[in-house]
Every structure is written in structure tokens, then in C-alpha cells.
PDB file of N, CA and C in Angstrom:
ATOM      1  N   MET A   1     -32.896 -22.864  -5.444  1.00  0.00           N
ATOM      2  CA  MET A   1     -32.018 -22.443  -6.516  1.00  0.00           C
ATOM      3  C   MET A   1     -32.502 -23.105  -7.800  1.00  0.00           C
ATOM      4  N   LYS A   2     -32.329 -22.389  -8.924  1.00  0.00           N
ATOM      5  CA  LYS A   2     -32.791 -22.922 -10.201  1.00  0.00           C
ATOM      6  C   LYS A   2     -31.649 -23.557 -10.979  1.00  0.00           C
ATOM      7  N   CYS A   3     -31.994 -24.570 -11.756  1.00  0.00           N
ATOM      8  CA  CYS A   3     -31.056 -25.256 -12.631  1.00  0.00           C
ATOM      9  C   CYS A   3     -30.919 -24.468 -13.940  1.00  0.00           C
ATOM     10  N   LYS A   4     -29.965 -24.854 -14.780  1.00  0.00           N
ATOM     11  CA  LYS A   4     -29.807 -24.209 -16.086  1.00  0.00           C
ATOM     12  C   LYS A   4     -31.032 -24.405 -16.962  1.00  0.00           C
ATOM     13  N   CYS A   5     -31.749 -25.530 -16.743  1.00  0.00           N
ATOM     14  CA  CYS A   5     -32.951 -25.801 -17.539  1.00  0.00           C
ATOM     15  C   CYS A   5     -34.133 -24.971 -17.061  1.00  0.00           C
ATOM     16  N   GLY A   6     -34.002 -24.347 -15.874  1.00  0.00           N
ATOM     17  CA  GLY A   6     -35.075 -23.512 -15.326  1.00  0.00           C
ATOM     18  C   GLY A   6     -35.863 -24.204 -14.240  1.00  0.00           C
ATOM     19  N   GLY A   7     -35.577 -25.495 -14.006  1.00  0.00           N
ATOM     20  CA  GLY A   7     -36.289 -26.241 -12.978  1.00  0.00           C
ATOM     21  C   GLY A   7     -35.727 -25.987 -11.593  1.00  0.00           C
ATOM     22  N   GLN A   8     -36.519 -26.297 -10.578  1.00  0.00           N
ATOM     23  CA  GLN A   8     -36.086 -26.145  -9.192  1.00  0.00           C
ATOM     24  C   GLN A   8     -35.143 -27.282  -8.807  1.00  0.00           C
ATOM     25  N   THR A   9     -34.250 -27.016  -7.871  1.00  0.00           N
ATOM     26  CA  THR A   9     -33.304 -28.026  -7.403  1.00  0.00           C
ATOM     27  C   THR A   9     -33.512 -28.272  -5.921  1.00  0.00           C
ATOM     28  N   TYR A  10     -32.977 -29.382  -5.438  1.00  0.00           N
ATOM     29  CA  TYR A  10     -32.983 -29.667  -4.013  1.00  0.00           C
ATOM     30  C   TYR A  10     -31.573 -30.094  -3.595  1.00  0.00           C
ATOM     31  N   VAL A  11     -31.271 -29.920  -2.308  1.00  0.00           N
ATOM     32  CA  VAL A  11     -29.941 -30.221  -1.775  1.00  0.00           C
ATOM     33  C   VAL A  11     -29.900 -31.691  -1.382  1.00  0.00           C
ATOM     34  N   THR A  12     -28.890 -32.399  -1.900  1.00  0.00           N
ATOM     35  CA  THR A  12     -28.713 -33.806  -1.540  1.00  0.00           C
ATOM     36  C   THR A  12     -27.687 -33.964  -0.425  1.00  0.00           C
ATOM     37  N   THR A  13     -26.620 -33.139  -0.430  1.00  0.00           N
ATOM     38  CA  THR A  13     -25.559 -33.235   0.568  1.00  0.00           C
ATOM     39  C   THR A  13     -25.060 -31.834   0.909  1.00  0.00           C
ATOM     40  N   THR A  14     -24.735 -31.638   2.184  1.00  0.00           N
ATOM     41  CA  THR A  14     -24.149 -30.374   2.639  1.00  0.00           C
ATOM     42  C   THR A  14     -22.924 -30.689   3.485  1.00  0.00           C
ATOM     43  N   MET A  15     -21.823 -29.986   3.229  1.00  0.00           N
ATOM     44  CA  MET A  15     -20.609 -30.179   4.038  1.00  0.00           C
ATOM     45  C   MET A  15     -19.819 -28.876   4.095  1.00  0.00           C
ATOM     46  N   LYS A  16     -18.948 -28.781   5.100  1.00  0.00           N
ATOM     47  CA  LYS A  16     -18.084 -27.604   5.239  1.00  0.00           C
ATOM     48  C   LYS A  16     -16.961 -27.695   4.229  1.00  0.00           C
ATOM     49  N   HIS A  17     -16.574 -26.546   3.686  1.00  0.00           N
ATOM     50  CA  HIS A  17     -15.472 -26.493   2.729  1.00  0.00           C
ATOM     51  C   HIS A  17     -14.239 -25.976   3.453  1.00  0.00           C
ATOM     52  N   GLU A  18     -13.047 -26.324   2.942  1.00  0.00           N
ATOM     53  CA  GLU A  18     -11.798 -25.906   3.585  1.00  0.00           C
ATOM     54  C   GLU A  18     -11.604 -24.395   3.571  1.00  0.00           C
ATOM     55  N   SER A  19     -12.265 -23.684   2.658  1.00  0.00           N
ATOM     56  CA  SER A  19     -12.145 -22.221   2.592  1.00  0.00           C
ATOM     57  C   SER A  19     -13.017 -21.532   3.636  1.00  0.00           C
ATOM     58  N   GLY A  20     -13.829 -22.321   4.371  1.00  0.00           N
ATOM     59  CA  GLY A  20     -14.693 -21.733   5.386  1.00  0.00           C
ATOM     60  C   GLY A  20     -16.123 -21.606   4.918  1.00  0.00           C
ATOM     61  N   GLY A  21     -16.394 -21.934   3.674  1.00  0.00           N
ATOM     62  CA  GLY A  21     -17.738 -21.835   3.135  1.00  0.00           C
ATOM     63  C   GLY A  21     -18.499 -23.143   3.293  1.00  0.00           C
ATOM     64  N   VAL A  22     -19.661 -23.217   2.651  1.00  0.00           N
ATOM     65  CA  VAL A  22     -20.503 -24.399   2.693  1.00  0.00           C
ATOM     66  C   VAL A  22     -20.609 -24.958   1.282  1.00  0.00           C
ATOM     67  N   LEU A  23     -20.276 -26.228   1.123  1.00  0.00           N
ATOM     68  CA  LEU A  23     -20.361 -26.901  -0.165  1.00  0.00           C
ATOM     69  C   LEU A  23     -21.657 -27.700  -0.188  1.00  0.00           C
ATOM     70  N   ARG A  24     -22.494 -27.434  -1.182  1.00  0.00           N
ATOM     71  CA  ARG A  24     -23.769 -28.140  -1.289  1.00  0.00           C
ATOM     72  C   ARG A  24     -23.821 -28.880  -2.618  1.00  0.00           C
ATOM     73  N   ARG A  25     -24.296 -30.114  -2.561  1.00  0.00           N
ATOM     74  CA  ARG A  25     -24.514 -30.935  -3.749  1.00  0.00           C
ATOM     75  C   ARG A  25     -26.005 -30.847  -4.051  1.00  0.00           C
ATOM     76  N   ARG A  26     -26.361 -30.469  -5.270  1.00  0.00           N
ATOM     77  CA  ARG A  26     -27.765 -30.247  -5.642  1.00  0.00           C
ATOM     78  C   ARG A  26     -28.171 -31.145  -6.802  1.00  0.00           C
ATOM     79  N   LYS A  27     -29.495 -31.365  -6.916  1.00  0.00           N
ATOM     80  CA  LYS A  27     -30.043 -32.166  -8.008  1.00  0.00           C
ATOM     81  C   LYS A  27     -31.319 -31.491  -8.492  1.00  0.00           C
ATOM     82  N   CYS A  28     -31.481 -31.467  -9.818  1.00  0.00           N
ATOM     83  CA  CYS A  28     -32.637 -30.811 -10.431  1.00  0.00           C
ATOM     84  C   CYS A  28     -33.833 -31.773 -10.441  1.00  0.00           C
ATOM     85  N   PHE A  29     -35.034 -31.259 -10.089  1.00  0.00           N
ATOM     86  CA  PHE A  29     -36.252 -32.063 -10.141  1.00  0.00           C
ATOM     87  C   PHE A  29     -36.638 -32.391 -11.582  1.00  0.00           C
ATOM     88  N   THR A  30     -36.376 -31.458 -12.513  1.00  0.00           N
ATOM     89  CA  THR A  30     -36.842 -31.601 -13.886  1.00  0.00           C
ATOM     90  C   THR A  30     -35.935 -32.492 -14.723  1.00  0.00           C
ATOM     91  N   CYS A  31     -34.623 -32.145 -14.801  1.00  0.00           N
ATOM     92  CA  CYS A  31     -33.721 -32.867 -15.716  1.00  0.00           C
ATOM     93  C   CYS A  31     -32.765 -33.818 -15.003  1.00  0.00           C
ATOM     94  N   ALA A  32     -32.806 -33.886 -13.686  1.00  0.00           N
ATOM     95  CA  ALA A  32     -31.998 -34.790 -12.865  1.00  0.00           C
ATOM     96  C   ALA A  32     -30.488 -34.529 -12.960  1.00  0.00           C
ATOM     97  N   VAL A  33     -30.088 -33.337 -13.387  1.00  0.00           N
ATOM     98  CA  VAL A  33     -28.668 -32.969 -13.429  1.00  0.00           C
ATOM     99  C   VAL A  33     -28.201 -32.689 -12.008  1.00  0.00           C
ATOM    100  N   ARG A  34     -26.994 -33.152 -11.687  1.00  0.00           N
ATOM    101  CA  ARG A  34     -26.397 -32.890 -10.380  1.00  0.00           C
ATOM    102  C   ARG A  34     -25.267 -31.877 -10.533  1.00  0.00           C
ATOM    103  N   PHE A  35     -25.164 -30.966  -9.570  1.00  0.00           N
ATOM    104  CA  PHE A  35     -24.085 -29.974  -9.582  1.00  0.00           C
ATOM    105  C   PHE A  35     -23.812 -29.527  -8.155  1.00  0.00           C
ATOM    106  N   SER A  36     -22.652 -28.878  -7.974  1.00  0.00           N
ATOM    107  CA  SER A  36     -22.235 -28.408  -6.652  1.00  0.00           C
ATOM    108  C   SER A  36     -22.256 -26.882  -6.612  1.00  0.00           C
ATOM    109  N   THR A  37     -22.544 -26.353  -5.435  1.00  0.00           N
ATOM    110  CA  THR A  37     -22.451 -24.910  -5.222  1.00  0.00           C
ATOM    111  C   THR A  37     -21.592 -24.681  -3.986  1.00  0.00           C
ATOM    112  N   LEU A  38     -20.862 -23.596  -3.987  1.00  0.00           N
ATOM    113  CA  LEU A  38     -20.035 -23.213  -2.853  1.00  0.00           C
ATOM    114  C   LEU A  38     -20.533 -21.872  -2.355  1.00  0.00           C
ATOM    115  N   GLU A  39     -21.016 -21.852  -1.131  1.00  0.00           N
ATOM    116  CA  GLU A  39     -21.537 -20.620  -0.536  1.00  0.00           C
ATOM    117  C   GLU A  39     -20.516 -20.101   0.470  1.00  0.00           C
ATOM    118  N   SER A  40     -20.175 -18.834   0.345  1.00  0.00           N
ATOM    119  CA  SER A  40     -19.219 -18.240   1.279  1.00  0.00           C
ATOM    120  C   SER A  40     -19.665 -16.831   1.614  1.00  0.00           C
ATOM    121  N   MET A  41     -19.164 -16.321   2.726  1.00  0.00           N
ATOM    122  CA  MET A  41     -19.519 -14.980   3.186  1.00  0.00           C
ATOM    123  C   MET A  41     -18.604 -13.956   2.522  1.00  0.00           C
ATOM    124  N   LEU A  42     -19.199 -12.854   2.131  1.00  0.00           N
ATOM    125  CA  LEU A  42     -18.433 -11.738   1.582  1.00  0.00           C
ATOM    126  C   LEU A  42     -18.130 -10.762   2.703  1.00  0.00           C
ATOM    127  N   GLU A  43     -16.919 -10.233   2.703  1.00  0.00           N
ATOM    128  CA  GLU A  43     -16.567  -9.208   3.679  1.00  0.00           C
ATOM    129  C   GLU A  43     -16.921  -7.853   3.094  1.00  0.00           C
ATOM    130  N   VAL A  44     -17.732  -7.132   3.808  1.00  0.00           N
ATOM    131  CA  VAL A  44     -18.137  -5.803   3.361  1.00  0.00           C
ATOM    132  C   VAL A  44     -17.255  -4.775   4.062  1.00  0.00           C
ATOM    133  N   ALA A  45     -16.650  -3.911   3.274  1.00  0.00           N
ATOM    134  CA  ALA A  45     -15.765  -2.895   3.839  1.00  0.00           C
ATOM    135  C   ALA A  45     -16.578  -1.864   4.609  1.00  0.00           C
ATOM    136  N   LYS A  46     -16.050  -1.474   5.741  1.00  0.00           N
ATOM    137  CA  LYS A  46     -16.709  -0.444   6.533  1.00  0.00           C
ATOM    138  C   LYS A  46     -16.510   0.906   5.852  1.00  0.00           C
ATOM    139  N   PRO A  47     -17.495   1.776   5.932  1.00  0.00           N
ATOM    140  CA  PRO A  47     -17.313   3.097   5.319  1.00  0.00           C
ATOM    141  C   PRO A  47     -16.200   3.872   6.029  1.00  0.00           C
ATOM    142  N   VAL A  48     -15.420   4.565   5.256  1.00  0.00           N
ATOM    143  CA  VAL A  48     -14.296   5.324   5.788  1.00  0.00           C
ATOM    144  C   VAL A  48     -14.761   6.741   6.107  1.00  0.00           C
ATOM    145  N   LYS A  49     -14.473   7.163   7.317  1.00  0.00           N
ATOM    146  CA  LYS A  49     -14.825   8.527   7.698  1.00  0.00           C
ATOM    147  C   LYS A  49     -13.809   9.486   7.089  1.00  0.00           C
ATOM    148  N   PRO A  50     -14.261  10.618   6.583  1.00  0.00           N
ATOM    149  CA  PRO A  50     -13.291  11.577   6.055  1.00  0.00           C
ATOM    150  C   PRO A  50     -12.441  12.132   7.194  1.00  0.00           C
ATOM    151  N   PRO A  51     -11.180  12.409   6.914  1.00  0.00           N
ATOM    152  CA  PRO A  51     -10.311  12.913   7.983  1.00  0.00           C
ATOM    153  C   PRO A  51     -10.746  14.305   8.434  1.00  0.00           C
ATOM    154  N   LYS A  52     -10.443  14.590   9.674  1.00  0.00           N
ATOM    155  CA  LYS A  52     -10.757  15.916  10.189  1.00  0.00           C
ATOM    156  C   LYS A  52      -9.840  16.923   9.524  1.00  0.00           C
ATOM    157  N   PRO A  53     -10.342  18.133   9.256  1.00  0.00           N
ATOM    158  CA  PRO A  53      -9.487  19.129   8.622  1.00  0.00           C
ATOM    159  C   PRO A  53      -8.298  19.497   9.504  1.00  0.00           C
ATOM    160  N   ILE A  54      -7.170  19.700   8.855  1.00  0.00           N
ATOM    161  CA  ILE A  54      -5.953  20.050   9.578  1.00  0.00           C
ATOM    162  C   ILE A  54      -6.023  21.503  10.044  1.00  0.00           C
ATOM    163  N   TYR A  55      -6.586  22.343   9.193  1.00  0.00           N
ATOM    164  CA  TYR A  55      -6.660  23.766   9.487  1.00  0.00           C
ATOM    165  C   TYR A  55      -8.095  24.189   9.753  1.00  0.00           C
ATOM    166  N   THR A  56      -8.228  25.234  10.557  1.00  0.00           N
ATOM    167  CA  THR A  56      -9.529  25.867  10.702  1.00  0.00           C
ATOM    168  C   THR A  56      -9.779  26.663   9.429  1.00  0.00           C
ATOM    169  N   PRO A  57     -11.009  27.085   9.154  1.00  0.00           N
ATOM    170  CA  PRO A  57     -11.265  27.870   7.940  1.00  0.00           C
ATOM    171  C   PRO A  57     -10.405  29.135   7.839  1.00  0.00           C
ATOM    172  N   VAL A  58     -10.132  29.783   8.956  1.00  0.00           N
ATOM    173  CA  VAL A  58      -9.304  31.000   8.944  1.00  0.00           C
ATOM    174  C   VAL A  58      -7.867  30.649   8.582  1.00  0.00           C
ATOM    175  N   GLU A  59      -7.352  29.559   9.181  1.00  0.00           N
ATOM    176  CA  GLU A  59      -5.987  29.127   8.869  1.00  0.00           C
ATOM    177  C   GLU A  59      -5.869  28.671   7.426  1.00  0.00           C
ATOM    178  N   ALA A  60      -6.902  27.989   6.919  1.00  0.00           N
ATOM    179  CA  ALA A  60      -6.889  27.523   5.532  1.00  0.00           C
ATOM    180  C   ALA A  60      -6.843  28.711   4.573  1.00  0.00           C
ATOM    181  N   ALA A  61      -7.596  29.760   4.870  1.00  0.00           N
ATOM    182  CA  ALA A  61      -7.581  30.960   4.025  1.00  0.00           C
ATOM    183  C   ALA A  61      -6.205  31.614   4.053  1.00  0.00           C
ATOM    184  N   LYS A  62      -5.573  31.633   5.219  1.00  0.00           N
ATOM    185  CA  LYS A  62      -4.242  32.222   5.347  1.00  0.00           C
ATOM    186  C   LYS A  62      -3.217  31.426   4.527  1.00  0.00           C
ATOM    187  N   VAL A  63      -3.263  30.083   4.624  1.00  0.00           N
ATOM    188  CA  VAL A  63      -2.340  29.232   3.861  1.00  0.00           C
ATOM    189  C   VAL A  63      -2.549  29.424   2.372  1.00  0.00           C
ATOM    190  N   LYS A  64      -3.814  29.503   1.949  1.00  0.00           N
ATOM    191  CA  LYS A  64      -4.113  29.705   0.533  1.00  0.00           C
ATOM    192  C   LYS A  64      -3.568  31.046   0.054  1.00  0.00           C
ATOM    193  N   ALA A  65      -3.740  32.084   0.864  1.00  0.00           N
ATOM    194  CA  ALA A  65      -3.232  33.406   0.498  1.00  0.00           C
ATOM    195  C   ALA A  65      -1.709  33.392   0.382  1.00  0.00           C
ATOM    196  N   GLU A  66      -1.048  32.671   1.279  1.00  0.00           N
ATOM    197  CA  GLU A  66       0.414  32.568   1.220  1.00  0.00           C
ATOM    198  C   GLU A  66       0.856  31.847  -0.053  1.00  0.00           C
ATOM    199  N   LYS A  67       0.140  30.784  -0.445  1.00  0.00           N
ATOM    200  CA  LYS A  67       0.475  30.058  -1.668  1.00  0.00           C
ATOM    201  C   LYS A  67       0.287  30.934  -2.895  1.00  0.00           C
ATOM    202  N   VAL A  68      -0.803  31.709  -2.917  1.00  0.00           N
ATOM    203  CA  VAL A  68      -1.058  32.607  -4.041  1.00  0.00           C
ATOM    204  C   VAL A  68       0.031  33.667  -4.128  1.00  0.00           C
ATOM    205  N   ALA A  69       0.432  34.220  -2.978  1.00  0.00           N
ATOM    206  CA  ALA A  69       1.479  35.236  -2.963  1.00  0.00           C
ATOM    207  C   ALA A  69       2.803  34.657  -3.454  1.00  0.00           C
ATOM    208  N   ALA A  70       3.126  33.432  -3.033  1.00  0.00           N
ATOM    209  CA  ALA A  70       4.370  32.789  -3.465  1.00  0.00           C
ATOM    210  C   ALA A  70       4.344  32.527  -4.971  1.00  0.00           C
ATOM    211  N   ARG A  71       3.180  32.095  -5.500  1.00  0.00           N
ATOM    212  CA  ARG A  71       3.076  31.843  -6.942  1.00  0.00           C
ATOM    213  C   ARG A  71       3.225  33.134  -7.732  1.00  0.00           C
ATOM    214  N   ARG A  72       2.612  34.211  -7.245  1.00  0.00           N
ATOM    215  CA  ARG A  72       2.735  35.507  -7.939  1.00  0.00           C
ATOM    216  C   ARG A  72       4.172  36.010  -7.912  1.00  0.00           C
ATOM    217  N   LYS A  73       4.852  35.815  -6.784  1.00  0.00           N
ATOM    218  CA  LYS A  73       6.246  36.231  -6.682  1.00  0.00           C
ATOM    219  C   LYS A  73       7.101  35.454  -7.679  1.00  0.00           C
ATOM    220  N   ALA A  74       6.865  34.125  -7.797  1.00  0.00           N
ATOM    221  CA  ALA A  74       7.612  33.304  -8.748  1.00  0.00           C
ATOM    222  C   ALA A  74       7.334  33.752 -10.189  1.00  0.00           C
ATOM    223  N   GLU A  75       6.076  34.098 -10.483  1.00  0.00           N
ATOM    224  CA  GLU A  75       5.739  34.587 -11.827  1.00  0.00           C
ATOM    225  C   GLU A  75       6.435  35.909 -12.122  1.00  0.00           C
ATOM    226  N   ASP A  76       6.524  36.782 -11.125  1.00  0.00           N
ATOM    227  CA  ASP A  76       7.218  38.058 -11.311  1.00  0.00           C
ATOM    228  C   ASP A  76       8.703  37.838 -11.595  1.00  0.00           C
ATOM    229  N   ILE A  77       9.315  36.904 -10.870  1.00  0.00           N
ATOM    230  CA  ILE A  77      10.733  36.604 -11.094  1.00  0.00           C
ATOM    231  C   ILE A  77      10.942  36.069 -12.503  1.00  0.00           C
ATOM    232  N   GLN A  78      10.046  35.182 -12.957  1.00  0.00           N
ATOM    233  CA  GLN A  78      10.159  34.643 -14.316  1.00  0.00           C
ATOM    234  C   GLN A  78       9.991  35.740 -15.353  1.00  0.00           C
ATOM    235  N   ALA A  79       9.064  36.674 -15.102  1.00  0.00           N
ATOM    236  CA  ALA A  79       8.846  37.764 -16.041  1.00  0.00           C
ATOM    237  C   ALA A  79      10.082  38.654 -16.132  1.00  0.00           C
ATOM    238  N   LYS A  80      10.731  38.916 -14.999  1.00  0.00           N
ATOM    239  CA  LYS A  80      11.948  39.730 -15.010  1.00  0.00           C
ATOM    240  C   LYS A  80      13.069  39.023 -15.772  1.00  0.00           C
ATOM    241  N   ARG A  81      13.163  37.706 -15.603  1.00  0.00           N
ATOM    242  CA  ARG A  81      14.171  36.948 -16.344  1.00  0.00           C
ATOM    243  C   ARG A  81      13.893  37.006 -17.848  1.00  0.00           C
ATOM    244  N   ARG A  82      12.628  36.888 -18.228  1.00  0.00           N
ATOM    245  CA  ARG A  82      12.279  36.978 -19.648  1.00  0.00           C
ATOM    246  C   ARG A  82      12.635  38.348 -20.213  1.00  0.00           C
ATOM    247  N   ASP A  83      12.394  39.393 -19.413  1.00  0.00           N
ATOM    248  CA  ASP A  83      12.717  40.743 -19.867  1.00  0.00           C
ATOM    249  C   ASP A  83      14.216  40.883 -20.076  1.00  0.00           C
ATOM    250  N   ARG A  84      15.001  40.308 -19.137  1.00  0.00           N
ATOM    251  CA  ARG A  84      16.449  40.362 -19.273  1.00  0.00           C
ATOM    252  C   ARG A  84      16.919  39.598 -20.508  1.00  0.00           C
ATOM    253  N   VAL A  85      16.342  38.444 -20.729  1.00  0.00           N
ATOM    254  CA  VAL A  85      16.735  37.627 -21.874  1.00  0.00           C
ATOM    255  C   VAL A  85      16.339  38.313 -23.174  1.00  0.00           C
ATOM    256  N   SER A  86      15.141  38.894 -23.224  1.00  0.00           N
ATOM    257  CA  SER A  86      14.705  39.542 -24.465  1.00  0.00           C
ATOM    258  C   SER A  86      15.533  40.785 -24.767  1.00  0.00           C
ATOM    259  N   MET A  87      16.147  41.365 -23.732  1.00  0.00           N
ATOM    260  CA  MET A  87      16.981  42.537 -23.945  1.00  0.00           C
ATOM    261  C   MET A  87      18.213  42.162 -24.766  1.00  0.00           C
ATOM    262  N   TYR A  88      18.706  40.919 -24.645  1.00  0.00           N
ATOM    263  CA  TYR A  88      19.906  40.479 -25.343  1.00  0.00           C
ATOM    264  C   TYR A  88      19.590  39.777 -26.666  1.00  0.00           C
ATOM    265  N   TYR A  89      18.338  39.715 -27.032  1.00  0.00           N
ATOM    266  CA  TYR A  89      17.956  39.057 -28.274  1.00  0.00           C
ATOM    267  C   TYR A  89      18.453  39.869 -29.461  1.00  0.00           C
ATOM    268  N   ILE A  90      19.164  39.207 -30.373  1.00  0.00           N
ATOM    269  CA  ILE A  90      19.753  39.887 -31.529  1.00  0.00           C
ATOM    270  C   ILE A  90      18.922  39.567 -32.754  1.00  0.00           C
ATOM    271  N   GLU A  91      18.417  40.567 -33.391  1.00  0.00           N
ATOM    272  CA  GLU A  91      17.635  40.393 -34.611  1.00  0.00           C
ATOM    273  C   GLU A  91      18.557  40.719 -35.770  1.00  0.00           C
ATOM    274  N   ASP A  92      19.320  39.724 -36.193  1.00  0.00           N
ATOM    275  CA  ASP A  92      20.321  39.961 -37.213  1.00  0.00           C
ATOM    276  C   ASP A  92      20.311  38.773 -38.170  1.00  0.00           C
ATOM    277  N   ASP A  93      20.556  39.025 -39.428  1.00  0.00           N
ATOM    278  CA  ASP A  93      20.574  37.949 -40.408  1.00  0.00           C
ATOM    279  C   ASP A  93      21.782  37.042 -40.218  1.00  0.00           C
ATOM    280  N   ASP A  94      22.865  37.546 -39.653  1.00  0.00           N
ATOM    281  CA  ASP A  94      24.081  36.763 -39.457  1.00  0.00           C
ATOM    282  C   ASP A  94      24.041  35.938 -38.162  1.00  0.00           C
ATOM    283  N   PHE A  95      22.984  36.114 -37.399  1.00  0.00           N
ATOM    284  CA  PHE A  95      22.874  35.409 -36.122  1.00  0.00           C
ATOM    285  C   PHE A  95      22.718  33.918 -36.384  1.00  0.00           C
ATOM    286  N   ASP A  96      23.563  33.103 -35.758  1.00  0.00           N
ATOM    287  CA  ASP A  96      23.556  31.660 -35.969  1.00  0.00           C
ATOM    288  C   ASP A  96      22.550  31.023 -35.000  1.00  0.00           C
ATOM    289  N   ARG A  97      21.336  30.785 -35.487  1.00  0.00           N
ATOM    290  CA  ARG A  97      20.278  30.226 -34.639  1.00  0.00           C
ATOM    291  C   ARG A  97      20.562  28.782 -34.245  1.00  0.00           C
ATOM    292  N   ASP A  98      21.228  28.027 -35.119  1.00  0.00           N
ATOM    293  CA  ASP A  98      21.525  26.631 -34.809  1.00  0.00           C
ATOM    294  C   ASP A  98      22.501  26.524 -33.635  1.00  0.00           C
ATOM    295  N   LYS A  99      23.400  27.481 -33.544  1.00  0.00           N
ATOM    296  CA  LYS A  99      24.374  27.465 -32.465  1.00  0.00           C
ATOM    297  C   LYS A  99      23.684  27.594 -31.102  1.00  0.00           C
ATOM    298  N   TRP A 100      22.652  28.382 -31.054  1.00  0.00           N
ATOM    299  CA  TRP A 100      21.963  28.661 -29.788  1.00  0.00           C
ATOM    300  C   TRP A 100      20.758  27.745 -29.593  1.00  0.00           C
ATOM    301  N   GLY A 101      20.463  26.875 -30.545  1.00  0.00           N
ATOM    302  CA  GLY A 101      19.331  25.946 -30.419  1.00  0.00           C
ATOM    303  C   GLY A 101      17.989  26.608 -30.605  1.00  0.00           C
ATOM    304  N   LEU A 102      17.958  27.660 -31.420  1.00  0.00           N
ATOM    305  CA  LEU A 102      16.684  28.356 -31.651  1.00  0.00           C
ATOM    306  C   LEU A 102      16.097  28.018 -32.991  1.00  0.00           C
TER     307      LEU A 102
END
């Protein structure tokens, strides 16, 4: 391991640390600075397998088609409501827009 000055270091003392790692006391050959290092193991996460599909491709297409049909039906209902509402729209100068929040 290298020191901050760029010189090589050597280990003077090695002991176990309470965290489970290894505590090493080092000294630089060049500038004689002493410092400690703590070496510990990193846990590497295992790769996660993607889940198996719930539906077969045929079933997935069927579910998608059902969702599209339901969305279109909801859009049709909204369009009919808009048509009903626009039928009652009054285009009049005396119409109080503030009363209706328009």
C-alpha cells in the first residue's frame, strides 16, 4: 500500500477488529508516517432472477384486449356525458358564469 507521500509502506501490527475486519498498523519507508487501515469484506448482492410470467403470451394478449375494450367503453361513456352536458349549455349574455364556476 502507498503512503500519501507516494512511498511504499509496511505492516507493523495486525489484529482482528470488533467489526469482523482486520486492523493493520502501517509505517511508510520514505517519510516514517504511521497510520492504520481497516480491511473488511464487502457483501456482493446475488443477481435477482426475473419473475416468471404470470400469463402465457395468448393469455397476455387476451388481458390486454380486455383492458383496451374497457378503456374504450369508459371513453364512450365520457363522450356521451359530454354530449348531454353540452346540450344544456346556454349561450346567453344574462347567464351567470360565476354562479356555475365557469
